[in-house]
Amino acid sequence: DPLAVEPVPEPQPEPPSAEGSWGDHEPLAQIQFKILRGHSDTVSSCHFCFEDTKILSCSYDRTVKLWDFVKGFPVQVFEEEHTAPISECNLSPDDRRVVTSSYDNTVKTWDMETGKMLWTAEHEGIVTSCNLSCDGRYVVSGTDKGNAIFVFDAGSATVVARVQGHHRSTITRCCFDPDNQRVTSVSYDKTIKLWDMITRSTSITINEGHSNVISDCCFTSDGHYLCTASWDKSLKIWDLKTGEFRCHEPFSLNQGHEGSVSSCLFSQDASLVVSGGYDKTVAIWDTDTGYKKLSLKGHWNWVTDVAISKDKKWILSASKDSTLRLWNIEKMDHIPSVIESRKEKGSKIAQCEECEKPFLRLQCSDMEMISKCVFCRLSS
């Protein structure tokens, strides 16, 4: 059954060291990491905030925590409001409000400074995902009852739109595009949908994207590309601005995870994609070439969510093992295995003839050299 739920892995003993410079990911990798402990159950969502000086996380333990990045411990805890696991947390662009979705059938908004709850929106079913628009005006949520999405006014909690039967099965993730004009959602039904805020209708449906459950989706900061992660073990990058996805295959990122991919995120400049999987690893991808630069291993259960700092020096991962991990990837490009795989691919740094940005160039199978970066290739 393609919709069968992933088998639950056996719990494993905790690694002996809490942090160190020799993670158990790759020999000679020397990726420094720090483990953040404080949640007592699966950590379901994580973000960098306050200009990468703080971390926000939420958990099945029904709490939301704000962590000090340097000290690695919680400085604020939002609790005693949700009565069931929290599925996702998100921040307003100004870091002043937090929105949470929960299996207790509610979406809640919190004041970051006081930790007080501002409003609650009741749903008929469990709420699997929530997101704030980039202008901070709207909140979107996805619920398993009627496979619906709801759009709320972020200030007043008024329902702006209710789209029942939006998908044929449970919605796994919903988010706004950076222009605040469309809501993208992905689902157990293997489809990707973009719903238009202005026309109040579905503007794009992609049915043939993945061969299994689509677990996550994210945009580049300019809204041009969408990345989707799936239980079919792959990630795909879609060109939405030019509509290339209608006639061309998406750009695929394969062989990065041994099992289902659970989460994905572009770096601010879109040069990297970070993904987390049920194989307990975090993969870092070079977007231009589509090859996996590095696997970060250390979590001892599923990786549920990933984040990357604006300066691309830090990766954050959340896991079913109740911890978060901070990985320092500053020196990633000097790691022997990364240098080696770049050589193996026969790649070299080239300048894109269209946008003139540097990119890693791979040799094509027909022996022609690629002269444009992936973004210009996708849009032409």
Protein backbone atom coordinates (compact mmCIF):
# COMPACT_ATOMS: atom_id res chain seq x y z
CA ASP A 1 0.00 0.00 0.00
CA PRO A 2 1.69 3.27 -1.14
CA LEU A 3 0.09 5.16 1.75
CA ALA A 4 1.31 2.74 4.39
CA VAL A 5 2.75 4.50 7.38
CA GLU A 6 6.50 4.21 7.95
CA PRO A 7 7.48 1.37 10.29
CA VAL A 8 8.48 2.61 13.73
CA PRO A 9 12.20 2.07 14.26
CA GLU A 10 13.50 0.40 17.38
CA PRO A 11 14.52 2.94 20.02
CA GLN A 12 18.27 3.21 20.21
CA PRO A 13 20.61 4.06 23.05
CA GLU A 14 21.61 7.68 23.35
CA PRO A 15 25.06 8.62 22.02
CA PRO A 16 27.53 9.05 24.86
CA SER A 17 28.69 12.59 24.17
CA ALA A 18 26.39 15.59 24.26
CA GLU A 19 28.49 17.58 21.84
CA GLY A 20 31.76 17.30 20.04
CA SER A 21 33.77 18.03 16.95
CA TRP A 22 33.69 14.46 15.68
CA GLY A 23 30.13 13.61 14.91
CA ASP A 24 29.29 10.10 13.78
CA HIS A 25 28.35 11.33 10.31
CA GLU A 26 31.40 11.00 8.04
CA PRO A 27 35.02 10.12 8.71
CA LEU A 28 37.17 13.26 8.86
CA ALA A 29 34.07 15.43 8.64
CA GLN A 30 34.84 17.46 11.76
CA ILE A 31 31.39 19.02 11.82
CA GLN A 32 30.92 20.56 15.25
CA PHE A 33 27.50 20.05 16.76
CA LYS A 34 25.56 20.86 19.87
CA ILE A 35 22.57 18.94 21.27
CA LEU A 36 19.69 20.94 22.72
CA ARG A 37 17.79 18.97 25.35
CA GLY A 38 14.62 20.16 27.04
CA HIS A 39 11.66 18.60 25.25
CA SER A 40 10.28 15.33 26.61
CA ASP A 41 8.75 14.05 23.35
CA THR A 42 9.12 14.34 19.54
CA VAL A 43 10.26 17.82 18.45
CA SER A 44 7.98 18.55 15.50
CA SER A 45 9.13 21.94 14.21
CA CYS A 46 12.17 24.25 14.48
CA HIS A 47 13.26 27.70 13.29
CA PHE A 48 16.03 30.23 13.63
CA CYS A 49 14.74 33.66 14.75
CA PHE A 50 15.85 37.05 16.07
CA GLU A 51 18.58 37.30 13.42
CA ASP A 52 19.76 33.76 14.18
CA THR A 53 20.41 34.52 17.88
CA LYS A 54 17.45 32.40 19.07
CA ILE A 55 15.79 29.13 18.14
CA LEU A 56 12.08 28.33 18.27
CA SER A 57 10.83 24.76 18.63
CA CYS A 58 7.60 22.93 19.43
CA SER A 59 6.94 19.39 20.50
CA TYR A 60 4.50 16.58 21.09
CA ASP A 61 5.11 17.40 24.78
CA ARG A 62 2.63 20.31 24.18
CA THR A 63 5.19 23.06 24.72
CA VAL A 64 6.86 25.69 22.57
CA LYS A 65 10.37 26.73 23.58
CA LEU A 66 12.52 29.73 22.71
CA TRP A 67 16.21 28.83 23.05
CA ASP A 68 19.29 30.98 23.44
CA PHE A 69 21.47 30.02 20.47
CA VAL A 70 24.81 30.48 22.24
CA LYS A 71 23.95 28.99 25.63
CA GLY A 72 21.81 26.21 24.17
CA PHE A 73 19.03 26.29 26.75
CA PRO A 74 15.42 27.57 26.74
CA VAL A 75 14.93 31.20 27.78
CA GLN A 76 11.15 31.08 27.42
CA VAL A 77 8.53 28.32 27.47
CA PHE A 78 4.98 28.60 26.11
CA GLU A 79 2.89 25.92 27.77
CA GLU A 80 -0.34 24.81 29.47
CA GLU A 81 -2.53 25.94 26.59
CA HIS A 82 -2.44 23.04 24.13
CA THR A 83 -3.91 19.75 25.38
CA ALA A 84 -2.38 17.48 22.70
CA PRO A 85 0.82 17.29 20.59
CA ILE A 86 1.81 20.48 18.76
CA SER A 87 2.30 19.70 15.09
CA GLU A 88 3.95 22.92 13.95
CA CYS A 89 5.04 26.38 15.07
CA ASN A 90 5.78 29.44 12.95
CA LEU A 91 6.87 33.01 13.48
CA SER A 92 5.70 36.35 12.19
CA PRO A 93 8.37 38.14 10.12
CA ASP A 94 9.01 40.62 12.95
CA ASP A 95 9.49 37.76 15.47
CA ARG A 96 6.75 39.22 17.68
CA ARG A 97 4.11 36.51 17.32
CA VAL A 98 4.14 32.73 17.23
CA VAL A 99 1.41 30.59 15.69
CA THR A 100 0.98 26.93 16.65
CA SER A 101 -1.16 24.08 15.34
CA SER A 102 -2.09 21.05 17.39
CA TYR A 103 -3.78 17.67 17.48
CA ASP A 104 -6.15 19.25 20.03
CA ASN A 105 -8.01 20.71 16.98
CA THR A 106 -6.80 24.27 17.52
CA VAL A 107 -4.53 26.92 16.09
CA LYS A 108 -3.22 29.42 18.63
CA THR A 109 -1.35 32.70 18.34
CA TRP A 110 1.03 33.85 21.07
CA ASP A 111 2.76 37.08 21.98
CA MET A 112 6.48 36.33 21.84
CA GLU A 113 7.46 38.92 24.46
CA THR A 114 4.93 38.04 27.17
CA GLY A 115 4.35 34.39 26.26
CA LYS A 116 0.61 35.07 26.56
CA MET A 117 -1.90 33.57 24.17
CA LEU A 118 -3.62 36.11 21.90
CA TRP A 119 -6.31 33.96 20.26
CA THR A 120 -7.45 30.39 19.56
CA ALA A 121 -9.17 29.12 16.42
CA GLU A 122 -11.14 25.89 16.86
CA HIS A 123 -11.17 23.30 14.06
CA GLU A 124 -13.30 20.18 13.70
CA GLY A 125 -10.32 17.89 13.22
CA ILE A 126 -6.66 17.70 14.17
CA VAL A 127 -4.56 20.53 12.75
CA THR A 128 -1.52 19.17 10.97
CA SER A 129 0.15 22.39 9.80
CA CYS A 130 0.12 26.17 10.19
CA ASN A 131 1.94 29.10 8.62
CA LEU A 132 2.02 32.91 8.75
CA SER A 133 2.09 34.99 5.58
CA CYS A 134 5.31 36.92 4.98
CA ASP A 135 3.52 40.23 5.58
CA GLY A 136 2.22 38.89 8.91
CA ARG A 137 -1.44 39.50 7.96
CA TYR A 138 -2.76 35.97 7.55
CA VAL A 139 -2.51 32.53 9.12
CA VAL A 140 -3.20 29.35 7.14
CA SER A 141 -3.90 25.96 8.69
CA GLY A 142 -4.53 22.48 7.35
CA THR A 143 -6.86 20.02 9.05
CA ASP A 144 -7.58 16.34 8.50
CA LYS A 145 -11.35 16.88 8.87
CA GLY A 146 -12.55 17.32 5.30
CA ASN A 147 -8.89 17.70 4.20
CA ALA A 148 -9.46 21.45 4.38
CA ILE A 149 -7.35 24.58 4.57
CA PHE A 150 -8.41 27.65 6.55
CA VAL A 151 -7.11 31.19 6.16
CA PHE A 152 -7.49 33.51 9.17
CA ASP A 153 -6.90 37.19 9.71
CA ALA A 154 -3.80 37.11 11.94
CA GLY A 155 -4.98 40.02 14.06
CA SER A 156 -8.63 39.25 14.66
CA ALA A 157 -8.72 35.46 14.08
CA THR A 158 -11.63 35.99 11.65
CA VAL A 159 -11.97 33.22 9.05
CA VAL A 160 -11.09 34.74 5.68
CA ALA A 161 -11.44 31.51 3.69
CA ARG A 162 -12.43 27.90 4.31
CA VAL A 163 -11.63 25.44 1.52
CA GLN A 164 -13.27 22.09 2.27
CA GLY A 165 -12.17 18.98 0.37
CA HIS A 166 -9.09 20.80 -0.89
CA HIS A 167 -7.22 17.47 -0.98
CA ARG A 168 -8.41 13.87 -1.17
CA SER A 169 -6.43 12.88 1.92
CA THR A 170 -4.72 14.39 4.99
CA ILE A 171 -2.80 17.62 4.38
CA THR A 172 0.78 17.30 5.61
CA ARG A 173 1.96 20.88 5.10
CA CYS A 174 0.59 24.26 4.02
CA CYS A 175 2.43 27.56 3.57
CA PHE A 176 2.19 30.97 1.92
CA ASP A 177 4.40 31.98 -0.99
CA PRO A 178 6.71 34.97 -0.31
CA ASP A 179 4.32 37.28 -2.23
CA ASN A 180 1.43 36.36 0.13
CA GLN A 181 -0.70 35.62 -2.92
CA ARG A 182 -0.92 31.85 -2.87
CA VAL A 183 -1.17 29.06 -0.35
CA THR A 184 0.66 25.86 -1.23
CA SER A 185 -0.37 22.59 0.32
CA VAL A 186 0.84 19.01 0.00
CA SER A 187 -0.86 15.84 1.10
CA TYR A 188 -1.03 12.09 1.58
CA ASP A 189 -2.89 12.15 -1.77
CA LYS A 190 0.49 12.81 -3.52
CA THR A 191 -0.65 16.13 -5.02
CA ILE A 192 0.65 19.69 -4.76
CA LYS A 193 -1.95 22.48 -4.81
CA LEU A 194 -1.59 26.24 -5.03
CA TRP A 195 -4.65 28.18 -3.92
CA ASP A 196 -4.97 31.81 -5.00
CA MET A 197 -5.78 34.37 -2.28
CA ILE A 198 -7.23 36.88 -4.79
CA THR A 199 -9.41 34.65 -6.98
CA ARG A 200 -10.18 32.34 -4.03
CA SER A 201 -9.63 29.30 -6.22
CA THR A 202 -7.02 26.62 -6.87
CA SER A 203 -4.70 28.02 -9.52
CA ILE A 204 -2.30 25.08 -9.85
CA THR A 205 -2.65 21.35 -9.19
CA ILE A 206 0.31 19.03 -9.76
CA ASN A 207 -0.85 15.43 -9.76
CA GLU A 208 2.17 13.57 -11.07
CA GLY A 209 4.80 15.03 -8.75
CA HIS A 210 5.68 12.12 -6.49
CA SER A 211 4.87 8.43 -6.24
CA ASN A 212 4.16 8.51 -2.49
CA VAL A 213 3.01 10.85 0.29
CA ILE A 214 4.38 14.41 -0.05
CA SER A 215 5.52 15.44 3.41
CA ASP A 216 6.78 19.00 3.06
CA CYS A 217 7.13 21.99 0.74
CA CYS A 218 9.06 25.27 0.79
CA PHE A 219 9.70 28.27 -1.47
CA THR A 220 12.84 30.10 -2.46
CA SER A 221 12.82 33.59 -0.90
CA ASP A 222 11.82 35.14 -4.25
CA GLY A 223 8.92 32.70 -4.68
CA HIS A 224 10.23 31.49 -8.03
CA TYR A 225 10.84 27.86 -7.06
CA LEU A 226 9.06 25.36 -4.87
CA CYS A 227 10.77 22.33 -3.33
CA THR A 228 8.76 19.27 -2.27
CA ALA A 229 9.88 16.34 -0.10
CA SER A 230 8.30 12.92 -0.29
CA TRP A 231 8.09 9.43 1.17
CA ASP A 232 9.26 8.27 -2.29
CA LYS A 233 12.78 9.16 -0.99
CA SER A 234 13.19 12.13 -3.34
CA LEU A 235 12.97 15.93 -3.35
CA LYS A 236 11.85 17.91 -6.39
CA ILE A 237 12.32 21.54 -7.40
CA TRP A 238 9.52 23.14 -9.42
CA ASP A 239 9.72 26.32 -11.51
CA LEU A 240 6.46 28.08 -10.72
CA LYS A 241 7.13 31.54 -12.14
CA THR A 242 7.50 30.44 -15.75
CA GLY A 243 5.16 27.46 -15.54
CA GLU A 244 7.94 25.15 -16.72
CA PHE A 245 6.54 22.36 -14.52
CA ARG A 246 3.63 22.03 -16.97
CA CYS A 247 5.77 20.74 -19.82
CA HIS A 248 9.11 19.80 -18.25
CA GLU A 249 10.14 17.42 -15.54
CA PRO A 250 11.03 19.07 -12.23
CA PHE A 251 14.64 19.09 -11.09
CA SER A 252 15.07 15.97 -8.89
CA LEU A 253 17.28 15.46 -5.86
CA ASN A 254 17.73 11.71 -5.44
CA GLN A 255 19.75 9.23 -3.38
CA GLY A 256 20.12 11.53 -0.41
CA HIS A 257 18.05 9.50 2.04
CA GLU A 258 17.61 5.79 2.52
CA GLY A 259 13.95 6.20 3.43
CA SER A 260 11.15 8.74 3.33
CA VAL A 261 12.10 12.42 3.29
CA SER A 262 10.21 14.30 6.01
CA SER A 263 11.26 17.94 5.58
CA CYS A 264 12.97 20.41 3.24
CA LEU A 265 14.14 24.02 3.28
CA PHE A 266 16.03 26.34 0.91
CA SER A 267 18.82 28.54 2.23
CA GLN A 268 18.12 32.29 1.98
CA ASP A 269 20.12 32.56 -1.28
CA ALA A 270 18.65 29.28 -2.62
CA SER A 271 22.12 27.79 -3.20
CA LEU A 272 21.46 24.96 -0.74
CA VAL A 273 18.54 22.70 0.08
CA VAL A 274 18.53 21.01 3.48
CA SER A 275 16.38 17.93 4.07
CA GLY A 276 15.61 15.62 6.97
CA GLY A 277 14.51 12.02 6.79
CA TYR A 278 13.21 8.93 8.52
CA ASP A 279 16.72 7.48 8.13
CA LYS A 280 17.73 9.80 11.04
CA THR A 281 19.96 11.93 8.79
CA VAL A 282 20.08 15.52 7.56
CA ALA A 283 21.18 15.94 3.92
CA ILE A 284 22.71 19.10 2.48
CA TRP A 285 22.26 19.54 -1.27
CA ASP A 286 23.95 21.81 -3.76
CA THR A 287 20.97 23.24 -5.62
CA ASP A 288 22.84 24.00 -8.84
CA THR A 289 24.17 20.54 -9.43
CA GLY A 290 21.60 18.52 -7.56
CA TYR A 291 24.20 16.48 -5.71
CA LYS A 292 24.27 15.73 -2.01
CA LYS A 293 27.21 17.50 -0.42
CA LEU A 294 26.98 15.97 3.02
CA SER A 295 24.95 13.75 5.34
CA LEU A 296 24.76 14.71 9.00
CA LYS A 297 24.27 11.68 11.22
CA GLY A 298 23.76 11.71 14.95
CA HIS A 299 20.05 11.76 15.73
CA TRP A 300 18.88 8.39 17.00
CA ASN A 301 15.37 8.63 15.57
CA TRP A 302 13.54 10.27 12.66
CA VAL A 303 14.48 13.83 11.71
CA THR A 304 11.18 15.72 11.64
CA ASP A 305 12.23 19.25 10.63
CA VAL A 306 15.24 21.27 9.49
CA ALA A 307 16.29 24.94 9.40
CA ILE A 308 19.31 26.84 8.09
CA SER A 309 20.71 30.15 9.36
CA LYS A 310 20.71 33.19 7.07
CA ASP A 311 24.50 33.15 6.81
CA LYS A 312 24.48 29.40 5.96
CA LYS A 313 26.88 28.63 8.82
CA TRP A 314 24.42 26.64 10.94
CA ILE A 315 21.89 23.91 10.36
CA LEU A 316 19.23 23.09 12.92
CA SER A 317 17.42 19.76 13.05
CA ALA A 318 14.50 18.49 15.14
CA SER A 319 13.87 14.84 15.84
CA LYS A 320 11.56 12.21 17.21
CA ASP A 321 14.39 11.53 19.69
CA SER A 322 13.17 14.63 21.67
CA THR A 323 16.27 16.69 20.87
CA LEU A 324 17.35 19.46 18.53
CA ARG A 325 20.82 19.54 17.03
CA LEU A 326 22.84 22.54 15.89
CA TRP A 327 25.45 21.70 13.24
CA ASN A 328 28.22 24.10 12.25
CA ILE A 329 28.69 23.73 8.48
CA GLU A 330 30.98 26.75 8.01
CA LYS A 331 33.92 24.62 6.86
CA MET A 332 31.80 22.12 4.93
CA ASP A 333 33.48 22.81 1.60
CA HIS A 334 36.90 21.90 3.06
CA ILE A 335 35.80 18.43 4.15
CA PRO A 336 37.66 15.71 2.21
CA SER A 337 34.49 13.81 1.24
CA VAL A 338 32.84 16.99 -0.10
CA ILE A 339 35.94 17.89 -2.12
CA GLU A 340 36.16 14.28 -3.34
CA SER A 341 32.54 14.07 -4.49
CA ARG A 342 32.95 17.37 -6.34
CA LYS A 343 35.97 15.89 -8.16
CA GLU A 344 34.13 12.66 -8.89
CA LYS A 345 31.31 14.56 -10.51
CA GLY A 346 33.87 16.14 -12.82
CA SER A 347 32.61 19.51 -11.76
CA LYS A 348 34.21 22.88 -11.68
CA ILE A 349 33.12 26.36 -10.75
CA ALA A 350 31.72 28.19 -13.75
CA GLN A 351 29.98 31.49 -14.32
CA CYS A 352 26.38 31.27 -15.46
CA GLU A 353 26.15 32.90 -18.90
CA GLU A 354 22.72 34.27 -18.06
CA CYS A 355 22.70 35.55 -14.45
CA GLU A 356 26.53 35.62 -14.20
CA LYS A 357 26.57 34.01 -10.75
CA PRO A 358 29.17 31.32 -10.01
CA PHE A 359 27.91 27.74 -9.88
CA LEU A 360 29.34 24.23 -9.76
CA ARG A 361 29.28 22.82 -13.27
CA LEU A 362 28.76 19.13 -13.94
CA GLN A 363 29.56 17.38 -17.18
CA CYS A 364 26.51 16.25 -19.10
CA SER A 365 26.16 12.69 -20.32
CA ASP A 366 26.30 13.85 -23.94
CA MET A 367 29.68 15.44 -23.09
CA GLU A 368 28.32 18.96 -23.51
CA MET A 369 29.19 21.29 -20.69
CA ILE A 370 26.37 23.07 -18.90
CA SER A 371 26.73 26.83 -19.27
CA LYS A 372 23.83 27.98 -17.10
CA CYS A 373 23.03 27.47 -13.42
CA VAL A 374 20.01 25.36 -12.47
CA PHE A 375 17.76 28.38 -11.89
CA CYS A 376 18.43 29.83 -15.35
CA ARG A 377 18.15 26.34 -16.89
CA LEU A 378 14.80 25.81 -15.20
CA SER A 379 13.48 29.16 -16.34
CA SER A 380 14.61 28.76 -19.95
